[in-house]
C-alpha atoms as a PDB file:
ATOM      1  CA  UNK A   1      98.618 148.868 247.699  1.00  0.00           C
ATOM      2  CA  UNK A   2      97.917 151.624 250.208  1.00  0.00           C
ATOM      3  CA  UNK A   3      98.022 149.163 253.070  1.00  0.00           C
ATOM      4  CA  UNK A   4     101.411 147.856 251.929  1.00  0.00           C
ATOM      5  CA  UNK A   5     102.757 151.396 251.596  1.00  0.00           C
ATOM      6  CA  UNK A   6     101.443 152.302 255.033  1.00  0.00           C
ATOM      7  CA  UNK A   7     103.047 149.196 256.511  1.00  0.00           C
ATOM      8  CA  UNK A   8     106.349 150.047 254.842  1.00  0.00           C
ATOM      9  CA  UNK A   9     106.184 153.615 256.119  1.00  0.00           C
ATOM     10  CA  UNK A  10     105.374 152.411 259.630  1.00  0.00           C
ATOM     11  CA  UNK A  11     108.250 149.944 259.510  1.00  0.00           C
ATOM     12  CA  UNK A  12     110.660 152.654 258.352  1.00  0.00           C
ATOM     13  CA  UNK A  13     109.449 154.979 261.086  1.00  0.00           C
ATOM     14  CA  UNK A  14     109.865 152.261 263.720  1.00  0.00           C
ATOM     15  CA  UNK A  15     113.406 151.609 262.458  1.00  0.00           C
ATOM     16  CA  UNK A  16     114.238 155.317 262.656  1.00  0.00           C
ATOM     17  CA  UNK A  17     112.848 155.502 266.184  1.00  0.00           C
ATOM     18  CA  UNK A  18     114.879 152.435 267.176  1.00  0.00           C
ATOM     19  CA  UNK A  19     118.069 154.029 265.792  1.00  0.00           C
ATOM     20  CA  UNK A  20     117.306 157.275 267.585  1.00  0.00           C
ATOM     21  CA  UNK A  21     116.692 155.450 270.865  1.00  0.00           C
ATOM     22  CA  UNK A  22     119.887 153.442 270.457  1.00  0.00           C
ATOM     23  CA  UNK A  23     121.941 156.609 270.006  1.00  0.00           C
ATOM     24  CA  UNK A  24     120.308 158.205 273.049  1.00  0.00           C
ATOM     25  CA  UNK A  25     120.534 155.119 275.273  1.00  0.00           C
ATOM     26  CA  UNK A  26     124.209 154.608 274.425  1.00  0.00           C
ATOM     27  CA  UNK A  27     124.827 158.064 275.860  1.00  0.00           C
ATOM     28  CA  UNK A  28     122.918 157.406 279.101  1.00  0.00           C
ATOM     29  CA  UNK A  29     123.800 155.659 282.354  1.00  0.00           C
ATOM     30  CA  UNK A  30     121.871 152.518 283.307  1.00  0.00           C
ATOM     31  CA  UNK A  31     119.693 154.428 285.756  1.00  0.00           C
ATOM     32  CA  UNK A  32     118.847 157.042 283.114  1.00  0.00           C
ATOM     33  CA  UNK A  33     117.988 154.283 280.625  1.00  0.00           C
ATOM     34  CA  UNK A  34     115.748 152.719 283.255  1.00  0.00           C
ATOM     35  CA  UNK A  35     113.960 156.044 283.770  1.00  0.00           C
ATOM     36  CA  UNK A  36     113.632 156.383 279.982  1.00  0.00           C
ATOM     37  CA  UNK A  37     111.944 152.963 279.827  1.00  0.00           C
ATOM     38  CA  UNK A  38     109.494 153.952 282.550  1.00  0.00           C
ATOM     39  CA  UNK A  39     108.775 157.242 280.811  1.00  0.00           C
ATOM     40  CA  UNK A  40     108.304 155.500 277.473  1.00  0.00           C
ATOM     41  CA  UNK A  41     105.671 153.155 278.863  1.00  0.00           C
ATOM     42  CA  UNK A  42     103.735 156.013 280.493  1.00  0.00           C
ATOM     43  CA  UNK A  43     104.369 158.844 278.008  1.00  0.00           C
ATOM     44  CA  UNK A  44     105.752 157.499 274.690  1.00  0.00           C
ATOM     45  CA  UNK A  45     105.679 160.868 272.905  1.00  0.00           C
ATOM     46  CA  UNK A  46     107.570 162.622 275.676  1.00  0.00           C
ATOM     47  CA  UNK A  47     110.140 159.809 275.758  1.00  0.00           C
ATOM     48  CA  UNK A  48     110.666 160.070 272.016  1.00  0.00           C
ATOM     49  CA  UNK A  49     111.034 163.836 272.297  1.00  0.00           C
ATOM     50  CA  UNK A  50     113.703 163.396 274.994  1.00  0.00           C
ATOM     51  CA  UNK A  51     115.529 160.767 272.920  1.00  0.00           C
ATOM     52  CA  UNK A  52     115.457 163.117 269.934  1.00  0.00           C
ATOM     53  CA  UNK A  53     116.994 165.940 271.959  1.00  0.00           C
ATOM     54  CA  UNK A  54     119.746 163.669 273.274  1.00  0.00           C
ATOM     55  CA  UNK A  55     120.479 162.255 269.809  1.00  0.00           C
ATOM     56  CA  UNK A  56     120.718 165.789 268.390  1.00  0.00           C
ATOM     57  CA  UNK A  57     123.142 166.821 271.126  1.00  0.00           C
ATOM     58  CA  UNK A  58     125.229 163.717 270.450  1.00  0.00           C
ATOM     59  CA  UNK A  59     125.320 164.417 266.705  1.00  0.00           C
ATOM     60  CA  UNK A  60     126.449 167.988 267.433  1.00  0.00           C
ATOM     61  CA  UNK A  61     129.185 166.677 269.767  1.00  0.00           C
ATOM     62  CA  UNK A  62     127.707 168.640 272.665  1.00  0.00           C
ATOM     63  CA  UNK A  63     127.692 165.618 274.983  1.00  0.00           C
ATOM     64  CA  UNK A  64     131.002 164.037 275.939  1.00  0.00           C
ATOM     65  CA  UNK A  65     130.015 162.031 279.014  1.00  0.00           C
ATOM     66  CA  UNK A  66     127.092 159.748 279.721  1.00  0.00           C
ATOM     67  CA  UNK A  67     123.884 161.422 280.852  1.00  0.00           C
ATOM     68  CA  UNK A  68     123.102 160.549 284.456  1.00  0.00           C
ATOM     69  CA  UNK A  69     119.642 159.937 285.837  1.00  0.00           C
ATOM     70  CA  UNK A  70     119.727 163.360 287.503  1.00  0.00           C
ATOM     71  CA  UNK A  71     120.678 165.054 284.221  1.00  0.00           C
ATOM     72  CA  UNK A  72     117.920 163.166 282.434  1.00  0.00           C
ATOM     73  CA  UNK A  73     115.419 164.369 285.053  1.00  0.00           C
ATOM     74  CA  UNK A  74     116.629 167.937 284.478  1.00  0.00           C
ATOM     75  CA  UNK A  75     116.113 167.507 280.731  1.00  0.00           C
ATOM     76  CA  UNK A  76     112.554 166.329 281.341  1.00  0.00           C
ATOM     77  CA  UNK A  77     111.889 169.300 283.619  1.00  0.00           C
ATOM     78  CA  UNK A  78     113.255 171.717 281.023  1.00  0.00           C
ATOM     79  CA  UNK A  79     110.996 170.146 278.390  1.00  0.00           C
ATOM     80  CA  UNK A  80     107.996 171.102 280.539  1.00  0.00           C
ATOM     81  CA  UNK A  81     108.868 174.800 280.528  1.00  0.00           C
END
């Protein structure tokens, strides 16, 4: 039973991450999405953190235009500080 519950929890978490990424990617330019993909393969936790920040800003209506690659880089830099 524990294994089934763990699998269900993992599946739910993966679905939530996919939704979060979809929200973030829809708000990004193609070049920013490309950078996100590169970041995700090298640093998955950092990529998820960035996607979470973007999704939160979207849900708070603080982003009206698509995030450019340069803006995404600035977000990543600010996450380091």
